[in-house]
């Protein structure tokens, strides 16, 4: 746990004071070893690093442009807006865009 707290730049004493309590000499916390390893693993994944997120910015910008264009086409020109009762069309569009971003 100490390693995870140091990895995140947090005060271990402060977090233990908030999340832990001493009962019969045993420190009870919300953390357990598996959870600490889990957080360290996800913190180390490349997809969360800033430089790699910056390289995906053009992809995300393209997908957002496609989403805005499609929403504009689905909107009714007479009303200058969207009929949100036809949500199924927007939901399918969102799933298509998320699929493209994921793969």
N, C-alpha and C. Protein backbone atom coordinates (compact mmCIF):
# COMPACT_ATOMS: atom_id res chain seq x y z
N UNK A 1 0.81 -1.18 0.00
CA UNK A 1 0.00 0.00 0.00
C UNK A 1 0.86 1.26 0.00
N UNK A 2 1.93 1.22 0.75
CA UNK A 2 2.83 2.38 0.78
C UNK A 2 3.32 2.71 -0.62
N UNK A 3 3.65 1.65 -1.40
CA UNK A 3 4.16 1.87 -2.76
C UNK A 3 3.11 2.55 -3.62
N UNK A 4 1.87 2.12 -3.50
CA UNK A 4 0.81 2.71 -4.32
C UNK A 4 0.58 4.16 -3.94
N UNK A 5 0.60 4.46 -2.65
CA UNK A 5 0.40 5.83 -2.22
C UNK A 5 1.54 6.72 -2.67
N UNK A 6 2.76 6.21 -2.61
CA UNK A 6 3.91 7.00 -3.08
C UNK A 6 3.86 7.18 -4.58
N UNK A 7 3.40 6.14 -5.28
CA UNK A 7 3.30 6.19 -6.74
C UNK A 7 2.35 7.31 -7.16
N UNK A 8 1.30 7.49 -6.43
CA UNK A 8 0.32 8.54 -6.74
C UNK A 8 0.66 9.87 -6.11
N UNK A 9 1.77 9.96 -5.39
CA UNK A 9 2.19 11.21 -4.79
C UNK A 9 1.30 11.67 -3.65
N UNK A 10 0.70 10.73 -2.97
CA UNK A 10 -0.20 11.08 -1.87
C UNK A 10 0.46 10.77 -0.54
N UNK A 11 0.04 11.46 0.46
CA UNK A 11 0.56 11.24 1.79
C UNK A 11 -0.06 9.97 2.37
N UNK A 12 0.77 8.98 2.62
CA UNK A 12 0.24 7.73 3.15
C UNK A 12 -0.34 7.94 4.54
N UNK A 13 0.27 8.80 5.32
CA UNK A 13 -0.23 9.06 6.67
C UNK A 13 -1.61 9.71 6.62
N UNK A 14 -1.76 10.67 5.70
CA UNK A 14 -3.04 11.36 5.59
C UNK A 14 -4.16 10.44 5.13
N UNK A 15 -3.88 9.62 4.12
CA UNK A 15 -4.91 8.71 3.63
C UNK A 15 -5.23 7.63 4.65
N UNK A 16 -4.21 7.15 5.34
CA UNK A 16 -4.47 6.15 6.37
C UNK A 16 -5.30 6.75 7.51
N UNK A 17 -5.08 8.02 7.79
CA UNK A 17 -5.88 8.66 8.83
C UNK A 17 -7.34 8.78 8.41
N UNK A 18 -7.56 9.00 7.12
CA UNK A 18 -8.93 9.13 6.63
C UNK A 18 -9.60 7.77 6.49
N UNK A 19 -8.92 6.83 5.84
CA UNK A 19 -9.54 5.56 5.48
C UNK A 19 -9.29 4.44 6.48
N UNK A 20 -8.43 4.63 7.41
CA UNK A 20 -8.11 3.54 8.32
C UNK A 20 -8.46 3.87 9.75
N UNK A 21 -8.59 2.83 10.54
CA UNK A 21 -8.79 3.02 11.98
C UNK A 21 -8.11 1.86 12.69
N UNK A 22 -7.73 2.09 13.90
CA UNK A 22 -7.03 1.06 14.65
C UNK A 22 -8.00 0.41 15.63
N UNK A 23 -8.23 -0.87 15.45
CA UNK A 23 -9.10 -1.62 16.34
C UNK A 23 -8.30 -2.80 16.87
N UNK A 24 -8.12 -2.86 18.17
CA UNK A 24 -7.35 -3.93 18.80
C UNK A 24 -5.95 -4.05 18.20
N UNK A 25 -5.38 -2.92 17.83
CA UNK A 25 -4.02 -2.92 17.30
C UNK A 25 -3.92 -3.32 15.84
N UNK A 26 -5.05 -3.54 15.17
CA UNK A 26 -5.05 -3.93 13.76
C UNK A 26 -5.58 -2.76 12.95
N UNK A 27 -4.84 -2.40 11.92
CA UNK A 27 -5.27 -1.29 11.07
C UNK A 27 -6.28 -1.81 10.06
N UNK A 28 -7.47 -1.25 10.09
CA UNK A 28 -8.51 -1.62 9.14
C UNK A 28 -8.60 -0.53 8.09
N UNK A 29 -8.43 -0.87 6.84
CA UNK A 29 -8.50 0.12 5.77
C UNK A 29 -9.40 -0.38 4.66
N UNK A 30 -9.67 0.51 3.72
CA UNK A 30 -10.45 0.13 2.53
C UNK A 30 -9.57 -0.57 1.50
N UNK A 31 -8.26 -0.58 1.72
CA UNK A 31 -7.34 -1.15 0.75
C UNK A 31 -6.97 -2.57 1.15
N UNK A 32 -6.70 -3.39 0.16
CA UNK A 32 -6.13 -4.71 0.38
C UNK A 32 -5.10 -4.92 -0.70
N UNK A 33 -4.26 -5.91 -0.54
CA UNK A 33 -3.10 -6.09 -1.43
C UNK A 33 -3.51 -6.22 -2.89
N UNK A 34 -4.56 -6.98 -3.16
CA UNK A 34 -5.00 -7.15 -4.54
C UNK A 34 -5.44 -5.85 -5.17
N UNK A 35 -6.10 -5.01 -4.39
CA UNK A 35 -6.54 -3.72 -4.90
C UNK A 35 -5.37 -2.81 -5.21
N UNK A 36 -4.36 -2.84 -4.37
CA UNK A 36 -3.16 -2.03 -4.59
C UNK A 36 -2.47 -2.47 -5.88
N UNK A 37 -2.32 -3.77 -6.06
CA UNK A 37 -1.69 -4.29 -7.29
C UNK A 37 -2.53 -3.91 -8.50
N UNK A 38 -3.84 -3.99 -8.37
CA UNK A 38 -4.76 -3.61 -9.45
C UNK A 38 -4.54 -2.15 -9.85
N UNK A 39 -4.46 -1.24 -8.87
CA UNK A 39 -4.25 0.18 -9.17
C UNK A 39 -2.87 0.43 -9.77
N UNK A 40 -1.86 -0.23 -9.27
CA UNK A 40 -0.52 -0.06 -9.83
C UNK A 40 -0.50 -0.53 -11.28
N UNK A 41 -1.20 -1.63 -11.57
CA UNK A 41 -1.25 -2.15 -12.94
C UNK A 41 -1.90 -1.13 -13.87
N UNK A 42 -3.06 -0.59 -13.51
CA UNK A 42 -3.73 0.35 -14.39
C UNK A 42 -3.00 1.68 -14.48
N UNK A 43 -2.30 2.06 -13.44
CA UNK A 43 -1.52 3.29 -13.49
C UNK A 43 -0.37 3.16 -14.49
N UNK A 44 0.12 1.93 -14.66
CA UNK A 44 1.26 1.71 -15.54
C UNK A 44 0.88 1.48 -16.99
N UNK A 45 -0.40 1.38 -17.30
CA UNK A 45 -0.81 1.11 -18.68
C UNK A 45 -0.45 2.28 -19.59
N UNK A 46 -0.03 1.96 -20.78
CA UNK A 46 0.42 2.99 -21.73
C UNK A 46 -0.73 3.89 -22.19
N UNK A 47 -1.94 3.39 -22.19
CA UNK A 47 -3.05 4.19 -22.70
C UNK A 47 -3.36 5.41 -21.84
N UNK A 48 -2.86 5.42 -20.62
CA UNK A 48 -3.12 6.55 -19.73
C UNK A 48 -1.98 7.56 -19.70
N UNK A 49 -0.95 7.36 -20.49
CA UNK A 49 0.18 8.28 -20.49
C UNK A 49 -0.12 9.48 -21.39
N UNK A 50 0.27 10.66 -20.95
CA UNK A 50 -0.02 11.89 -21.67
C UNK A 50 0.46 11.92 -23.11
N UNK A 51 1.73 11.56 -23.40
CA UNK A 51 2.19 11.61 -24.78
C UNK A 51 1.40 10.69 -25.71
N UNK A 52 0.98 9.54 -25.21
CA UNK A 52 0.21 8.64 -26.07
C UNK A 52 -1.22 9.14 -26.25
N UNK A 53 -1.76 9.79 -25.24
CA UNK A 53 -3.08 10.40 -25.42
C UNK A 53 -3.01 11.54 -26.43
N UNK A 54 -1.90 12.26 -26.45
CA UNK A 54 -1.73 13.36 -27.41
C UNK A 54 -1.70 12.83 -28.84
N UNK A 55 -1.12 11.65 -29.06
CA UNK A 55 -1.09 11.09 -30.41
C UNK A 55 -2.47 10.65 -30.88
N UNK A 56 -3.38 10.36 -29.95
CA UNK A 56 -4.72 9.95 -30.35
C UNK A 56 -5.67 11.13 -30.53
N UNK A 57 -5.20 12.34 -30.29
CA UNK A 57 -6.05 13.52 -30.42
C UNK A 57 -6.63 13.69 -31.82
N UNK A 58 -5.86 13.51 -32.90
CA UNK A 58 -6.47 13.64 -34.24
C UNK A 58 -7.57 12.61 -34.49
N UNK A 59 -7.42 11.41 -33.96
CA UNK A 59 -8.45 10.39 -34.14
C UNK A 59 -9.72 10.82 -33.43
N UNK A 60 -9.57 11.29 -32.20
CA UNK A 60 -10.73 11.72 -31.43
C UNK A 60 -11.38 12.93 -32.07
N UNK A 61 -10.59 13.87 -32.57
CA UNK A 61 -11.14 15.06 -33.23
C UNK A 61 -11.93 14.67 -34.47
N UNK A 62 -11.42 13.71 -35.24
CA UNK A 62 -12.13 13.24 -36.43
C UNK A 62 -13.46 12.60 -36.05
N UNK A 63 -13.45 11.79 -35.01
CA UNK A 63 -14.67 11.12 -34.58
C UNK A 63 -15.70 12.12 -34.06
N UNK A 64 -15.26 13.13 -33.35
CA UNK A 64 -16.17 14.16 -32.85
C UNK A 64 -16.77 14.94 -34.02
N UNK A 65 -15.97 15.22 -35.04
CA UNK A 65 -16.48 15.90 -36.23
C UNK A 65 -17.55 15.05 -36.93
N UNK A 66 -17.29 13.76 -37.05
CA UNK A 66 -18.27 12.86 -37.67
C UNK A 66 -19.56 12.86 -36.86
N UNK A 67 -19.43 12.79 -35.54
CA UNK A 67 -20.61 12.80 -34.67
C UNK A 67 -21.41 14.08 -34.85
N UNK A 68 -20.74 15.22 -34.87
CA UNK A 68 -21.44 16.50 -35.03
C UNK A 68 -22.12 16.58 -36.40
N UNK A 69 -21.46 16.10 -37.45
CA UNK A 69 -22.06 16.12 -38.79
C UNK A 69 -23.30 15.23 -38.85
N UNK A 70 -23.19 14.03 -38.27
CA UNK A 70 -24.32 13.11 -38.30
C UNK A 70 -25.50 13.64 -37.49
N UNK A 71 -25.22 14.23 -36.35
CA UNK A 71 -26.29 14.82 -35.54
C UNK A 71 -26.95 15.96 -36.32
N UNK A 72 -26.13 16.74 -37.04
CA UNK A 72 -26.69 17.82 -37.86
C UNK A 72 -27.59 17.29 -38.96
N UNK A 73 -27.22 16.16 -39.56
CA UNK A 73 -28.05 15.58 -40.61
C UNK A 73 -29.32 14.95 -40.05
N UNK A 74 -29.22 14.38 -38.85
CA UNK A 74 -30.39 13.76 -38.24
C UNK A 74 -31.39 14.79 -37.72
N UNK A 75 -30.90 15.98 -37.44
CA UNK A 75 -31.79 17.04 -36.96
C UNK A 75 -32.74 17.49 -38.05
N UNK A 76 -33.87 18.00 -37.63
CA UNK A 76 -34.86 18.46 -38.59
C UNK A 76 -34.60 19.92 -38.92
N UNK A 77 -34.36 20.25 -40.20
CA UNK A 77 -34.01 21.63 -40.57
C UNK A 77 -35.11 22.64 -40.23
N UNK A 78 -36.37 22.21 -40.29
CA UNK A 78 -37.47 23.13 -40.00
C UNK A 78 -37.46 23.58 -38.55
N UNK A 79 -37.07 22.68 -37.67
CA UNK A 79 -37.12 22.98 -36.24
C UNK A 79 -35.81 23.52 -35.69
N UNK A 80 -34.76 23.45 -36.51
CA UNK A 80 -33.43 23.86 -36.06
C UNK A 80 -33.02 23.17 -34.76
N UNK A 81 -33.26 21.90 -34.70
CA UNK A 81 -32.89 21.16 -33.49
C UNK A 81 -33.07 19.67 -33.69
N UNK A 82 -32.97 18.97 -32.59
CA UNK A 82 -33.08 17.52 -32.61
C UNK A 82 -34.34 17.07 -31.90
N UNK A 83 -34.93 16.03 -32.43
CA UNK A 83 -36.05 15.39 -31.76
C UNK A 83 -35.47 14.26 -30.91
N UNK A 84 -35.30 14.51 -29.64
CA UNK A 84 -34.63 13.53 -28.78
C UNK A 84 -35.49 12.32 -28.49
N UNK A 85 -36.76 12.32 -28.92
CA UNK A 85 -37.57 11.12 -28.76
C UNK A 85 -37.12 10.03 -29.71
N UNK A 86 -36.37 10.40 -30.72
CA UNK A 86 -35.80 9.42 -31.66
C UNK A 86 -34.39 9.05 -31.21
N UNK A 87 -34.25 8.77 -29.93
CA UNK A 87 -32.93 8.56 -29.35
C UNK A 87 -32.22 7.35 -29.94
N UNK A 88 -32.96 6.36 -30.40
CA UNK A 88 -32.32 5.14 -30.93
C UNK A 88 -31.34 5.47 -32.04
N UNK A 89 -31.64 6.45 -32.86
CA UNK A 89 -30.73 6.81 -33.96
C UNK A 89 -29.43 7.39 -33.41
N UNK A 90 -29.53 8.22 -32.38
CA UNK A 90 -28.33 8.84 -31.80
C UNK A 90 -27.52 7.82 -31.02
N UNK A 91 -28.23 6.90 -30.37
CA UNK A 91 -27.54 5.86 -29.59
C UNK A 91 -26.73 4.95 -30.51
N UNK A 92 -27.32 4.56 -31.63
CA UNK A 92 -26.59 3.71 -32.57
C UNK A 92 -25.39 4.45 -33.16
N UNK A 93 -25.56 5.73 -33.41
CA UNK A 93 -24.45 6.54 -33.91
C UNK A 93 -23.33 6.60 -32.89
N UNK A 94 -23.69 6.78 -31.63
CA UNK A 94 -22.68 6.83 -30.57
C UNK A 94 -21.94 5.50 -30.47
N UNK A 95 -22.66 4.39 -30.56
CA UNK A 95 -22.00 3.08 -30.51
C UNK A 95 -21.06 2.88 -31.70
N UNK A 96 -21.47 3.31 -32.88
CA UNK A 96 -20.60 3.19 -34.05
C UNK A 96 -19.32 4.00 -33.86
N UNK A 97 -19.45 5.19 -33.32
CA UNK A 97 -18.27 6.04 -33.11
C UNK A 97 -17.36 5.45 -32.05
N UNK A 98 -17.93 4.95 -30.96
CA UNK A 98 -17.11 4.32 -29.92
C UNK A 98 -16.40 3.08 -30.46
N UNK A 99 -17.07 2.32 -31.31
CA UNK A 99 -16.44 1.14 -31.91
C UNK A 99 -15.24 1.56 -32.75
N UNK A 100 -15.40 2.64 -33.51
CA UNK A 100 -14.30 3.10 -34.35
C UNK A 100 -13.13 3.59 -33.50
N UNK A 101 -13.43 4.25 -32.39
CA UNK A 101 -12.36 4.72 -31.52
C UNK A 101 -11.64 3.56 -30.84
N UNK A 102 -12.38 2.51 -30.51
CA UNK A 102 -11.78 1.38 -29.78
C UNK A 102 -10.94 0.50 -30.69
N UNK A 103 -11.34 0.37 -31.94
CA UNK A 103 -10.62 -0.55 -32.82
C UNK A 103 -10.03 0.19 -33.98
